[in-house]
N, C-alpha and C. Protein backbone atom coordinates (compact mmCIF):
# COMPACT_ATOMS: atom_id res chain seq x y z
N MET A 1 -7.81 11.38 -34.34
CA MET A 1 -6.66 10.53 -34.00
C MET A 1 -6.71 9.26 -34.85
N PRO A 2 -5.61 8.85 -35.48
CA PRO A 2 -5.59 7.62 -36.26
C PRO A 2 -5.96 6.43 -35.40
N ILE A 3 -6.59 5.43 -36.02
CA ILE A 3 -7.04 4.24 -35.29
C ILE A 3 -5.89 3.53 -34.62
N LYS A 4 -4.73 3.45 -35.31
CA LYS A 4 -3.58 2.75 -34.73
C LYS A 4 -3.13 3.38 -33.42
N LYS A 5 -3.14 4.73 -33.37
CA LYS A 5 -2.72 5.41 -32.14
C LYS A 5 -3.72 5.16 -31.02
N LYS A 6 -5.03 5.16 -31.36
CA LYS A 6 -6.04 4.88 -30.35
C LYS A 6 -5.85 3.49 -29.76
N LEU A 7 -5.65 2.51 -30.64
CA LEU A 7 -5.46 1.14 -30.17
C LEU A 7 -4.23 1.03 -29.31
N ALA A 8 -3.16 1.73 -29.68
CA ALA A 8 -1.93 1.69 -28.89
C ALA A 8 -2.16 2.25 -27.51
N GLY A 9 -2.97 3.34 -27.44
CA GLY A 9 -3.27 3.92 -26.13
C GLY A 9 -4.07 2.98 -25.26
N TYR A 10 -5.09 2.32 -25.84
CA TYR A 10 -5.90 1.37 -25.09
C TYR A 10 -5.04 0.19 -24.62
N LEU A 11 -4.15 -0.28 -25.48
CA LEU A 11 -3.31 -1.41 -25.13
C LEU A 11 -2.38 -1.06 -23.99
N SER A 12 -1.83 0.18 -24.03
CA SER A 12 -0.93 0.61 -22.97
C SER A 12 -1.63 0.63 -21.62
N LEU A 13 -2.86 1.17 -21.58
CA LEU A 13 -3.61 1.22 -20.32
C LEU A 13 -3.99 -0.18 -19.85
N THR A 14 -4.30 -1.07 -20.79
CA THR A 14 -4.66 -2.44 -20.43
C THR A 14 -3.48 -3.15 -19.79
N LEU A 15 -2.31 -2.99 -20.37
CA LEU A 15 -1.11 -3.63 -19.82
C LEU A 15 -0.80 -3.08 -18.44
N LEU A 16 -0.99 -1.75 -18.26
CA LEU A 16 -0.75 -1.13 -16.96
C LEU A 16 -1.72 -1.68 -15.93
N ALA A 17 -2.97 -1.86 -16.33
CA ALA A 17 -3.97 -2.41 -15.42
C ALA A 17 -3.60 -3.82 -15.00
N LEU A 18 -3.14 -4.63 -15.93
CA LEU A 18 -2.74 -6.00 -15.61
C LEU A 18 -1.55 -6.01 -14.65
N THR A 19 -0.62 -5.07 -14.84
CA THR A 19 0.54 -4.97 -13.95
C THR A 19 0.12 -4.65 -12.53
N LEU A 20 -0.80 -3.66 -12.39
CA LEU A 20 -1.26 -3.26 -11.06
C LEU A 20 -2.06 -4.36 -10.38
N ALA A 21 -2.86 -5.07 -11.16
CA ALA A 21 -3.71 -6.11 -10.58
C ALA A 21 -2.90 -7.32 -10.14
N GLY A 22 -1.71 -7.48 -10.70
CA GLY A 22 -0.86 -8.60 -10.30
C GLY A 22 -0.26 -8.37 -8.93
N SER A 23 0.35 -9.40 -8.37
CA SER A 23 0.93 -9.30 -7.04
C SER A 23 2.21 -8.48 -7.07
N PRO A 24 2.34 -7.46 -6.18
CA PRO A 24 3.58 -6.70 -6.10
C PRO A 24 4.70 -7.59 -5.61
N ALA A 25 5.93 -7.17 -5.88
CA ALA A 25 7.08 -7.90 -5.35
C ALA A 25 7.07 -7.77 -3.84
N ALA A 26 7.50 -8.80 -3.15
CA ALA A 26 7.53 -8.77 -1.69
C ALA A 26 8.97 -8.91 -1.21
N ALA A 27 9.25 -8.27 -0.08
CA ALA A 27 10.58 -8.40 0.50
C ALA A 27 10.85 -9.84 0.89
N GLU A 28 12.10 -10.24 0.80
CA GLU A 28 12.48 -11.59 1.22
C GLU A 28 12.64 -11.56 2.74
N CYS A 29 11.60 -12.01 3.42
CA CYS A 29 11.54 -11.86 4.88
C CYS A 29 11.81 -13.17 5.60
N VAL A 30 12.42 -13.06 6.77
CA VAL A 30 12.57 -14.19 7.68
C VAL A 30 12.06 -13.72 9.03
N LYS A 31 10.87 -14.15 9.40
CA LYS A 31 10.28 -13.68 10.64
C LYS A 31 11.03 -14.22 11.85
N GLY A 32 11.19 -13.35 12.82
CA GLY A 32 11.84 -13.75 14.05
C GLY A 32 13.35 -13.63 14.03
N ALA A 33 13.92 -13.21 12.90
CA ALA A 33 15.38 -13.08 12.81
C ALA A 33 15.79 -11.67 13.17
N ALA A 34 17.06 -11.50 13.51
CA ALA A 34 17.58 -10.17 13.82
C ALA A 34 17.64 -9.35 12.54
N PRO A 35 17.33 -8.05 12.60
CA PRO A 35 17.38 -7.22 11.39
C PRO A 35 18.77 -7.19 10.78
N LEU A 36 18.84 -7.24 9.47
CA LEU A 36 20.11 -7.14 8.76
C LEU A 36 20.39 -5.68 8.43
N PHE A 37 21.65 -5.39 8.15
CA PHE A 37 22.01 -4.06 7.67
C PHE A 37 21.40 -3.86 6.29
N ASP A 38 20.76 -2.72 6.07
CA ASP A 38 20.15 -2.42 4.77
C ASP A 38 21.26 -2.13 3.77
N PRO A 39 21.42 -2.92 2.72
CA PRO A 39 22.52 -2.72 1.78
C PRO A 39 22.34 -1.53 0.86
N PHE A 40 21.14 -0.90 0.86
CA PHE A 40 20.87 0.14 -0.12
C PHE A 40 20.87 1.55 0.46
N ALA A 41 20.60 1.69 1.73
CA ALA A 41 20.54 3.02 2.34
C ALA A 41 20.76 2.87 3.84
N PRO A 42 21.32 3.91 4.48
CA PRO A 42 21.56 3.82 5.93
C PRO A 42 20.26 3.82 6.71
N TYR A 43 20.26 3.20 7.85
CA TYR A 43 19.08 3.20 8.71
C TYR A 43 18.84 4.60 9.26
N LYS A 44 17.58 5.00 9.31
CA LYS A 44 17.24 6.28 9.93
C LYS A 44 16.93 6.09 11.41
N ASP A 45 16.55 4.92 11.81
CA ASP A 45 16.40 4.57 13.22
C ASP A 45 16.52 3.05 13.29
N PRO A 46 16.82 2.51 14.47
CA PRO A 46 17.07 1.07 14.58
C PRO A 46 15.93 0.22 14.02
N GLY A 47 16.26 -0.68 13.12
CA GLY A 47 15.28 -1.60 12.57
C GLY A 47 14.56 -1.12 11.34
N SER A 48 14.72 0.15 10.97
CA SER A 48 14.03 0.66 9.79
C SER A 48 14.69 0.15 8.51
N ILE A 49 13.87 -0.07 7.49
CA ILE A 49 14.40 -0.37 6.18
C ILE A 49 13.81 0.65 5.20
N ILE A 50 14.51 0.88 4.12
CA ILE A 50 14.18 1.97 3.21
C ILE A 50 13.99 1.45 1.80
N HIS A 51 12.89 1.84 1.19
CA HIS A 51 12.67 1.46 -0.20
C HIS A 51 13.69 2.19 -1.07
N LYS A 52 14.49 1.42 -1.78
CA LYS A 52 15.65 1.97 -2.48
C LYS A 52 15.29 3.06 -3.47
N GLU A 53 14.26 2.83 -4.28
CA GLU A 53 13.96 3.77 -5.35
C GLU A 53 13.28 5.06 -4.88
N SER A 54 12.42 4.97 -3.85
CA SER A 54 11.65 6.15 -3.43
C SER A 54 12.19 6.81 -2.17
N GLY A 55 13.03 6.10 -1.42
CA GLY A 55 13.52 6.63 -0.15
C GLY A 55 12.50 6.54 0.97
N PHE A 56 11.37 5.87 0.74
CA PHE A 56 10.32 5.76 1.75
C PHE A 56 10.78 4.84 2.88
N VAL A 57 10.61 5.29 4.12
CA VAL A 57 11.11 4.58 5.29
C VAL A 57 10.00 3.74 5.93
N PHE A 58 10.30 2.46 6.20
CA PHE A 58 9.37 1.55 6.86
C PHE A 58 9.97 1.13 8.20
N PRO A 59 9.57 1.79 9.31
CA PRO A 59 10.10 1.42 10.63
C PRO A 59 9.66 0.00 11.02
N ALA A 60 10.42 -0.61 11.91
CA ALA A 60 10.06 -1.94 12.40
C ALA A 60 8.78 -1.88 13.23
N SER A 61 8.58 -0.76 13.93
CA SER A 61 7.39 -0.56 14.75
C SER A 61 6.92 0.87 14.56
N VAL A 62 5.63 1.04 14.24
CA VAL A 62 5.12 2.40 14.01
C VAL A 62 3.62 2.42 14.27
N GLY A 63 3.16 3.43 14.99
CA GLY A 63 1.73 3.60 15.25
C GLY A 63 1.09 2.40 15.90
N GLY A 64 1.85 1.66 16.72
CA GLY A 64 1.31 0.48 17.38
C GLY A 64 1.33 -0.77 16.52
N PHE A 65 1.79 -0.66 15.27
CA PHE A 65 1.89 -1.80 14.35
C PHE A 65 3.33 -2.32 14.30
N GLN A 66 3.45 -3.62 14.03
CA GLN A 66 4.76 -4.24 13.85
C GLN A 66 4.92 -4.63 12.38
N ARG A 67 6.07 -4.31 11.82
CA ARG A 67 6.33 -4.69 10.43
C ARG A 67 6.47 -6.20 10.33
N GLU A 68 5.85 -6.81 9.32
CA GLU A 68 5.92 -8.26 9.14
C GLU A 68 7.31 -8.70 8.71
N CYS A 69 8.01 -7.87 7.99
CA CYS A 69 9.32 -8.24 7.48
C CYS A 69 10.39 -7.92 8.52
N GLU A 70 11.00 -8.95 9.10
CA GLU A 70 12.03 -8.75 10.10
C GLU A 70 13.39 -8.45 9.48
N MET A 71 13.59 -8.96 8.25
CA MET A 71 14.84 -8.65 7.57
C MET A 71 14.61 -8.78 6.08
N THR A 72 15.49 -8.19 5.31
CA THR A 72 15.29 -8.20 3.87
C THR A 72 16.63 -8.27 3.14
N THR A 73 16.66 -8.97 2.01
CA THR A 73 17.85 -9.01 1.19
C THR A 73 17.65 -8.17 -0.07
N ASP A 74 16.41 -7.74 -0.31
CA ASP A 74 16.14 -6.89 -1.46
C ASP A 74 14.91 -6.06 -1.18
N PHE A 75 15.08 -4.77 -1.09
CA PHE A 75 13.98 -3.87 -0.80
C PHE A 75 13.94 -2.83 -1.89
N SER A 76 13.60 -3.28 -3.11
CA SER A 76 13.65 -2.39 -4.25
C SER A 76 12.51 -2.73 -5.21
N GLY A 77 12.43 -1.96 -6.29
CA GLY A 77 11.43 -2.21 -7.32
C GLY A 77 10.41 -1.09 -7.40
N ASN A 78 9.71 -1.02 -8.54
CA ASN A 78 8.73 0.05 -8.72
C ASN A 78 7.30 -0.43 -8.50
N ASN A 79 7.13 -1.61 -7.90
CA ASN A 79 5.81 -2.11 -7.48
C ASN A 79 6.08 -3.05 -6.31
N PHE A 80 6.15 -2.46 -5.12
CA PHE A 80 6.66 -3.19 -3.96
C PHE A 80 5.70 -3.11 -2.78
N GLU A 81 5.52 -4.22 -2.07
CA GLU A 81 4.56 -4.28 -0.97
C GLU A 81 5.20 -4.81 0.30
N ILE A 82 4.80 -4.24 1.43
CA ILE A 82 5.26 -4.76 2.73
C ILE A 82 4.09 -4.66 3.71
N GLY A 83 4.07 -5.54 4.72
CA GLY A 83 2.92 -5.62 5.61
C GLY A 83 3.20 -5.18 7.04
N TYR A 84 2.14 -4.75 7.71
CA TYR A 84 2.18 -4.43 9.14
C TYR A 84 0.99 -5.12 9.81
N VAL A 85 1.15 -5.50 11.08
CA VAL A 85 0.07 -6.12 11.83
C VAL A 85 -0.01 -5.50 13.23
N ARG A 86 -1.22 -5.56 13.79
CA ARG A 86 -1.43 -5.08 15.16
C ARG A 86 -2.54 -5.89 15.80
N ASP A 87 -2.34 -6.32 17.02
CA ASP A 87 -3.36 -7.09 17.75
C ASP A 87 -4.27 -6.15 18.53
N VAL A 88 -5.57 -6.37 18.38
CA VAL A 88 -6.59 -5.62 19.12
C VAL A 88 -7.62 -6.60 19.65
N ASP A 89 -7.75 -6.69 20.96
CA ASP A 89 -8.74 -7.58 21.58
C ASP A 89 -8.64 -9.01 21.04
N ASP A 90 -7.42 -9.52 20.98
CA ASP A 90 -7.16 -10.89 20.52
C ASP A 90 -7.48 -11.11 19.03
N HIS A 91 -7.59 -10.03 18.27
CA HIS A 91 -7.79 -10.11 16.82
C HIS A 91 -6.67 -9.32 16.14
N GLU A 92 -6.40 -9.69 14.91
CA GLU A 92 -5.29 -9.05 14.21
C GLU A 92 -5.79 -8.12 13.10
N ILE A 93 -5.22 -6.91 13.06
CA ILE A 93 -5.44 -5.99 11.95
C ILE A 93 -4.28 -6.18 10.98
N GLU A 94 -4.61 -6.44 9.73
CA GLU A 94 -3.59 -6.63 8.71
C GLU A 94 -3.57 -5.42 7.78
N VAL A 95 -2.39 -4.87 7.56
CA VAL A 95 -2.23 -3.73 6.66
C VAL A 95 -1.12 -4.02 5.67
N LYS A 96 -1.37 -3.76 4.39
CA LYS A 96 -0.36 -3.88 3.35
C LYS A 96 -0.15 -2.50 2.75
N ILE A 97 1.11 -2.10 2.62
CA ILE A 97 1.45 -0.82 2.01
C ILE A 97 2.26 -1.11 0.74
N THR A 98 1.80 -0.57 -0.36
CA THR A 98 2.44 -0.79 -1.65
C THR A 98 2.95 0.52 -2.22
N MET A 99 4.19 0.52 -2.68
CA MET A 99 4.76 1.64 -3.41
C MET A 99 4.79 1.26 -4.88
N VAL A 100 4.22 2.12 -5.75
CA VAL A 100 4.16 1.78 -7.17
C VAL A 100 4.38 3.05 -8.00
N HIS A 101 5.17 2.90 -9.07
CA HIS A 101 5.42 4.03 -9.96
C HIS A 101 4.38 4.03 -11.08
N LEU A 102 3.59 5.11 -11.15
CA LEU A 102 2.55 5.25 -12.17
C LEU A 102 2.75 6.56 -12.92
N GLU A 103 2.44 6.56 -14.18
CA GLU A 103 2.55 7.78 -14.97
C GLU A 103 1.20 8.23 -15.54
N GLN A 104 0.30 7.27 -15.80
CA GLN A 104 -0.92 7.59 -16.53
C GLN A 104 -2.18 7.61 -15.67
N LEU A 105 -2.08 7.23 -14.40
CA LEU A 105 -3.28 7.09 -13.58
C LEU A 105 -3.29 8.04 -12.40
N ASN A 106 -4.50 8.54 -12.06
CA ASN A 106 -4.64 9.30 -10.83
C ASN A 106 -5.06 8.34 -9.72
N ALA A 107 -5.32 8.86 -8.52
CA ALA A 107 -5.63 8.00 -7.38
C ALA A 107 -6.91 7.19 -7.61
N GLN A 108 -7.91 7.80 -8.22
CA GLN A 108 -9.16 7.08 -8.46
C GLN A 108 -8.97 5.97 -9.49
N ASP A 109 -8.21 6.24 -10.55
CA ASP A 109 -7.91 5.22 -11.56
C ASP A 109 -7.20 4.03 -10.92
N HIS A 110 -6.21 4.34 -10.10
CA HIS A 110 -5.43 3.32 -9.39
C HIS A 110 -6.38 2.44 -8.55
N TYR A 111 -7.25 3.10 -7.80
CA TYR A 111 -8.21 2.39 -6.95
C TYR A 111 -9.13 1.48 -7.76
N LEU A 112 -9.68 2.00 -8.85
CA LEU A 112 -10.65 1.24 -9.64
C LEU A 112 -10.01 0.00 -10.28
N ILE A 113 -8.73 0.08 -10.59
CA ILE A 113 -8.06 -1.07 -11.21
C ILE A 113 -7.83 -2.19 -10.19
N VAL A 114 -7.44 -1.84 -8.95
CA VAL A 114 -7.15 -2.89 -7.97
C VAL A 114 -8.39 -3.36 -7.22
N LYS A 115 -9.48 -2.59 -7.28
CA LYS A 115 -10.69 -2.93 -6.54
C LYS A 115 -11.21 -4.35 -6.81
N PRO A 116 -11.33 -4.80 -8.07
CA PRO A 116 -11.85 -6.15 -8.30
C PRO A 116 -11.02 -7.25 -7.64
N ASP A 117 -9.70 -7.08 -7.66
CA ASP A 117 -8.83 -8.09 -7.04
C ASP A 117 -9.01 -8.11 -5.53
N ILE A 118 -9.16 -6.93 -4.93
CA ILE A 118 -9.38 -6.84 -3.48
C ILE A 118 -10.71 -7.52 -3.11
N LEU A 119 -11.77 -7.22 -3.87
CA LEU A 119 -13.08 -7.80 -3.57
C LEU A 119 -13.09 -9.31 -3.74
N SER A 120 -12.28 -9.82 -4.67
CA SER A 120 -12.28 -11.26 -4.95
C SER A 120 -11.72 -12.08 -3.79
N GLN A 121 -11.08 -11.43 -2.83
CA GLN A 121 -10.47 -12.14 -1.71
C GLN A 121 -11.46 -12.43 -0.57
N TYR A 122 -12.71 -11.96 -0.73
CA TYR A 122 -13.71 -12.12 0.33
C TYR A 122 -15.01 -12.66 -0.25
N SER A 123 -15.81 -13.30 0.60
CA SER A 123 -17.13 -13.78 0.19
C SER A 123 -18.16 -12.68 0.43
N ASN A 124 -19.12 -12.59 -0.45
CA ASN A 124 -20.23 -11.64 -0.33
C ASN A 124 -19.78 -10.20 -0.04
N PRO A 125 -18.83 -9.68 -0.82
CA PRO A 125 -18.36 -8.32 -0.55
C PRO A 125 -19.41 -7.27 -0.93
N THR A 126 -19.51 -6.23 -0.11
CA THR A 126 -20.41 -5.12 -0.39
C THR A 126 -19.68 -3.81 -0.14
N VAL A 127 -20.02 -2.80 -0.93
CA VAL A 127 -19.40 -1.48 -0.77
C VAL A 127 -20.10 -0.72 0.35
N VAL A 128 -19.34 -0.29 1.34
CA VAL A 128 -19.87 0.55 2.41
C VAL A 128 -19.80 2.01 1.99
N SER A 129 -18.65 2.40 1.44
CA SER A 129 -18.49 3.77 0.94
C SER A 129 -17.27 3.81 0.01
N GLU A 130 -17.26 4.76 -0.89
CA GLU A 130 -16.08 5.00 -1.72
C GLU A 130 -16.13 6.43 -2.23
N GLY A 131 -14.94 7.02 -2.33
CA GLY A 131 -14.87 8.41 -2.78
C GLY A 131 -13.53 9.02 -2.43
N ASP A 132 -13.39 10.31 -2.69
CA ASP A 132 -12.15 11.02 -2.38
C ASP A 132 -11.86 10.95 -0.88
N TYR A 133 -10.57 10.87 -0.55
CA TYR A 133 -10.16 10.76 0.84
C TYR A 133 -9.16 11.87 1.15
N LEU A 134 -9.38 12.57 2.25
CA LEU A 134 -8.48 13.64 2.68
C LEU A 134 -7.46 13.08 3.66
N VAL A 135 -6.19 13.08 3.27
CA VAL A 135 -5.13 12.60 4.15
C VAL A 135 -4.90 13.66 5.22
N PRO A 136 -5.03 13.31 6.50
CA PRO A 136 -4.89 14.30 7.57
C PRO A 136 -3.55 15.04 7.49
N GLY A 137 -3.61 16.36 7.44
CA GLY A 137 -2.39 17.16 7.43
C GLY A 137 -1.68 17.24 6.10
N ARG A 138 -2.21 16.56 5.06
CA ARG A 138 -1.54 16.56 3.76
C ARG A 138 -2.53 16.87 2.63
N PRO A 139 -2.99 18.10 2.54
CA PRO A 139 -3.93 18.45 1.47
C PRO A 139 -3.29 18.38 0.09
N ASP A 140 -1.95 18.27 0.04
CA ASP A 140 -1.25 18.20 -1.25
C ASP A 140 -1.33 16.81 -1.88
N ILE A 141 -1.79 15.80 -1.12
CA ILE A 141 -1.85 14.43 -1.63
C ILE A 141 -3.28 14.12 -2.09
N SER A 142 -3.42 13.71 -3.34
CA SER A 142 -4.71 13.27 -3.86
C SER A 142 -4.90 11.80 -3.48
N ALA A 143 -6.07 11.47 -2.92
CA ALA A 143 -6.30 10.09 -2.47
C ALA A 143 -7.75 9.69 -2.73
N TYR A 144 -7.95 8.38 -2.87
CA TYR A 144 -9.29 7.83 -3.11
C TYR A 144 -9.41 6.55 -2.30
N GLN A 145 -10.56 6.37 -1.63
CA GLN A 145 -10.70 5.25 -0.70
C GLN A 145 -12.02 4.51 -0.88
N GLY A 146 -11.95 3.19 -0.73
CA GLY A 146 -13.14 2.36 -0.69
C GLY A 146 -13.16 1.55 0.58
N ILE A 147 -14.33 1.44 1.22
CA ILE A 147 -14.50 0.66 2.46
C ILE A 147 -15.56 -0.40 2.19
N PHE A 148 -15.29 -1.62 2.63
CA PHE A 148 -16.15 -2.75 2.27
C PHE A 148 -16.43 -3.66 3.46
N ASP A 149 -17.53 -4.41 3.35
CA ASP A 149 -17.84 -5.51 4.25
C ASP A 149 -17.81 -6.81 3.45
N GLY A 150 -17.51 -7.91 4.12
CA GLY A 150 -17.51 -9.21 3.46
C GLY A 150 -17.33 -10.30 4.50
N ASP A 151 -17.10 -11.50 4.04
CA ASP A 151 -16.87 -12.64 4.94
C ASP A 151 -15.53 -13.27 4.61
N ARG A 152 -14.84 -13.72 5.64
CA ARG A 152 -13.61 -14.50 5.48
C ARG A 152 -13.76 -15.77 6.32
N ASP A 153 -13.83 -16.89 5.65
CA ASP A 153 -14.01 -18.17 6.34
C ASP A 153 -15.23 -18.14 7.26
N GLY A 154 -16.31 -17.49 6.79
CA GLY A 154 -17.55 -17.45 7.56
C GLY A 154 -17.60 -16.38 8.63
N VAL A 155 -16.52 -15.62 8.78
CA VAL A 155 -16.47 -14.57 9.80
C VAL A 155 -16.70 -13.21 9.13
N PRO A 156 -17.64 -12.39 9.65
CA PRO A 156 -17.86 -11.06 9.09
C PRO A 156 -16.57 -10.22 9.14
N TRP A 157 -16.21 -9.64 8.02
CA TRP A 157 -14.92 -8.95 7.89
C TRP A 157 -15.13 -7.53 7.35
N HIS A 158 -14.23 -6.66 7.72
CA HIS A 158 -14.24 -5.28 7.25
C HIS A 158 -12.90 -5.03 6.57
N PHE A 159 -12.91 -4.42 5.39
CA PHE A 159 -11.64 -4.17 4.71
C PHE A 159 -11.74 -2.90 3.87
N SER A 160 -10.58 -2.35 3.54
CA SER A 160 -10.56 -1.09 2.80
C SER A 160 -9.31 -1.01 1.95
N VAL A 161 -9.37 -0.15 0.94
CA VAL A 161 -8.18 0.14 0.13
C VAL A 161 -8.15 1.64 -0.13
N THR A 162 -6.99 2.23 0.09
CA THR A 162 -6.79 3.66 -0.12
C THR A 162 -5.64 3.86 -1.08
N ALA A 163 -5.89 4.54 -2.20
CA ALA A 163 -4.85 4.84 -3.18
C ALA A 163 -4.44 6.30 -3.03
N LEU A 164 -3.13 6.55 -3.02
CA LEU A 164 -2.61 7.90 -2.82
C LEU A 164 -1.69 8.27 -3.99
N ASP A 165 -1.88 9.45 -4.52
CA ASP A 165 -1.10 9.93 -5.66
C ASP A 165 -0.11 10.99 -5.20
N TYR A 166 1.20 10.63 -5.18
CA TYR A 166 2.23 11.57 -4.78
C TYR A 166 2.86 12.27 -5.99
N GLY A 167 2.43 11.90 -7.18
CA GLY A 167 3.05 12.44 -8.39
C GLY A 167 3.79 11.33 -9.12
N TYR A 168 5.11 11.32 -9.00
CA TYR A 168 5.90 10.28 -9.64
C TYR A 168 5.57 8.91 -9.03
N TRP A 169 5.41 8.87 -7.72
CA TRP A 169 5.07 7.63 -7.01
C TRP A 169 3.62 7.65 -6.56
N ASP A 170 3.02 6.48 -6.54
CA ASP A 170 1.72 6.27 -5.90
C ASP A 170 1.91 5.27 -4.78
N ALA A 171 1.01 5.33 -3.82
CA ALA A 171 1.03 4.35 -2.73
C ALA A 171 -0.37 3.77 -2.58
N ARG A 172 -0.44 2.60 -2.00
CA ARG A 172 -1.73 1.96 -1.75
C ARG A 172 -1.69 1.32 -0.38
N LEU A 173 -2.72 1.57 0.43
CA LEU A 173 -2.82 0.97 1.75
C LEU A 173 -4.10 0.14 1.80
N THR A 174 -3.94 -1.15 2.02
CA THR A 174 -5.10 -2.02 2.20
C THR A 174 -5.11 -2.50 3.64
N ALA A 175 -6.29 -2.53 4.23
CA ALA A 175 -6.43 -2.94 5.63
C ALA A 175 -7.60 -3.91 5.76
N SER A 176 -7.47 -4.89 6.65
CA SER A 176 -8.57 -5.83 6.88
C SER A 176 -8.55 -6.33 8.32
N TYR A 177 -9.76 -6.63 8.84
CA TYR A 177 -9.89 -7.07 10.23
C TYR A 177 -11.33 -7.54 10.46
N PRO A 178 -11.57 -8.31 11.51
CA PRO A 178 -12.95 -8.75 11.83
C PRO A 178 -13.84 -7.55 12.16
N GLN A 179 -15.09 -7.61 11.75
CA GLN A 179 -16.00 -6.48 11.97
C GLN A 179 -16.19 -6.17 13.45
N GLU A 180 -16.05 -7.16 14.31
CA GLU A 180 -16.33 -6.93 15.73
C GLU A 180 -15.36 -5.95 16.39
N ILE A 181 -14.20 -5.70 15.74
CA ILE A 181 -13.26 -4.72 16.31
C ILE A 181 -13.22 -3.46 15.45
N ASP A 182 -14.29 -3.19 14.73
CA ASP A 182 -14.29 -2.11 13.75
C ASP A 182 -13.85 -0.76 14.32
N ALA A 183 -14.46 -0.32 15.41
CA ALA A 183 -14.16 1.01 15.95
C ALA A 183 -12.70 1.11 16.38
N ALA A 184 -12.21 0.11 17.11
CA ALA A 184 -10.83 0.13 17.58
C ALA A 184 -9.86 0.03 16.40
N ALA A 185 -10.22 -0.78 15.40
CA ALA A 185 -9.35 -0.95 14.23
C ALA A 185 -9.24 0.34 13.43
N GLN A 186 -10.36 1.03 13.24
CA GLN A 186 -10.32 2.29 12.49
C GLN A 186 -9.43 3.31 13.18
N ALA A 187 -9.51 3.36 14.50
CA ALA A 187 -8.66 4.29 15.25
C ALA A 187 -7.19 3.91 15.11
N ALA A 188 -6.90 2.61 15.13
CA ALA A 188 -5.52 2.14 14.99
C ALA A 188 -4.97 2.45 13.60
N ILE A 189 -5.78 2.25 12.58
CA ILE A 189 -5.33 2.52 11.21
C ILE A 189 -5.09 4.02 11.00
N MET A 190 -5.95 4.86 11.58
CA MET A 190 -5.72 6.30 11.49
C MET A 190 -4.41 6.68 12.17
N GLU A 191 -4.10 6.02 13.28
CA GLU A 191 -2.83 6.28 13.97
C GLU A 191 -1.65 5.91 13.06
N LEU A 192 -1.79 4.81 12.32
CA LEU A 192 -0.73 4.39 11.41
C LEU A 192 -0.57 5.38 10.26
N ILE A 193 -1.69 5.82 9.69
CA ILE A 193 -1.63 6.79 8.59
C ILE A 193 -0.97 8.09 9.05
N GLN A 194 -1.32 8.54 10.25
CA GLN A 194 -0.73 9.77 10.77
C GLN A 194 0.76 9.62 11.01
N ALA A 195 1.19 8.41 11.38
CA ALA A 195 2.62 8.18 11.60
C ALA A 195 3.40 8.23 10.30
N PHE A 196 2.76 7.88 9.19
CA PHE A 196 3.44 7.87 7.89
C PHE A 196 3.24 9.17 7.11
N GLN A 197 2.33 10.03 7.55
CA GLN A 197 1.92 11.15 6.71
C GLN A 197 3.03 12.17 6.44
N TRP A 198 4.05 12.19 7.27
CA TRP A 198 5.13 13.17 7.07
C TRP A 198 6.03 12.80 5.91
N GLN A 199 5.95 11.57 5.43
CA GLN A 199 6.85 11.13 4.38
C GLN A 199 6.32 11.45 2.98
N THR A 200 7.24 11.77 2.08
CA THR A 200 6.91 11.95 0.67
C THR A 200 7.94 11.19 -0.15
N PRO A 201 7.53 10.16 -0.88
CA PRO A 201 8.49 9.41 -1.70
C PRO A 201 9.10 10.31 -2.76
N SER A 202 10.38 10.09 -3.05
CA SER A 202 11.11 10.94 -3.98
C SER A 202 11.37 10.24 -5.29
N ALA A 203 11.26 10.98 -6.39
CA ALA A 203 11.58 10.43 -7.71
C ALA A 203 13.08 10.45 -7.96
N GLU A 204 13.81 11.24 -7.17
CA GLU A 204 15.24 11.42 -7.42
C GLU A 204 16.02 10.11 -7.30
N ASN A 205 15.70 9.32 -6.26
CA ASN A 205 16.41 8.06 -6.08
C ASN A 205 16.25 7.16 -7.29
N PHE A 206 15.00 7.07 -7.80
CA PHE A 206 14.70 6.21 -8.93
C PHE A 206 15.44 6.69 -10.17
N GLU A 207 15.42 8.01 -10.40
CA GLU A 207 16.05 8.57 -11.58
C GLU A 207 17.56 8.42 -11.53
N GLU A 208 18.15 8.57 -10.33
CA GLU A 208 19.59 8.42 -10.20
C GLU A 208 20.04 7.02 -10.55
N GLN A 209 19.25 6.01 -10.15
CA GLN A 209 19.62 4.63 -10.41
C GLN A 209 19.44 4.28 -11.88
N GLY A 210 18.53 5.00 -12.56
CA GLY A 210 18.32 4.73 -13.97
C GLY A 210 19.31 5.43 -14.87
N SER A 211 20.06 6.39 -14.30
CA SER A 211 21.01 7.16 -15.12
C SER A 211 22.33 6.44 -15.25
C-alpha cells in the first residue's frame, strides 16, 4: 500500500476517535416542563420522543427510570446522548444512552476509544472486568462492556460503559452509582436494558433525510 494511502487511513481513524471522545449533542431540555409535541415523528406512547435519524424511541419512563429530558426542540444528529435516572435507597443511578453512526469500528473499537474519557471522570479508577457482552434476548447484537470502580468526591463509585454494534448505528450505555447500592443498581440497569432490547435503530430514516 502506498505511504500516502496508509497515512490517510490513520488520519481518518484518528479524526473518528476524536469525534467519539468529544461530547455528543444533547437535547435541549427544560426539566419540569410539560412534554412538547415531537416535531420529527409521532409519539408512540405519551411522553415518548424519537431520535429522528434512527427511529429509536426514548420513553419518558422505562424500566423504573425517568428520562432527564422533559421536552426537546431538537432530537436529531448522528452522535446524540440522552439521560435516565432512578432513585435506589436515597441514591441516584445515572444512565446515559448515546446513538452514534459509525462505519469503521466494531463494538470493542468503540469501547476502547471512549474508555479513557470515561475513566478521566473519576479518581483512582480501576478495571473490574471488560470483555464481550451478551445482550439478553439479542444474540444478533455485538456488544463490549467494561465495569470499573473509582471515587467521586471521595465517595466509592461504580461505573460501566457498554458499546453495542447494530450495524449502521452503534449505541453506548454508560451507568454510574455509589458502590453501596451495587447489587440493587445492577438489577435496575438490567431491567432498563431489557426494556430497550426490543428496539433496533434503522438506517432508513437517516438515508431518507440525506437523499
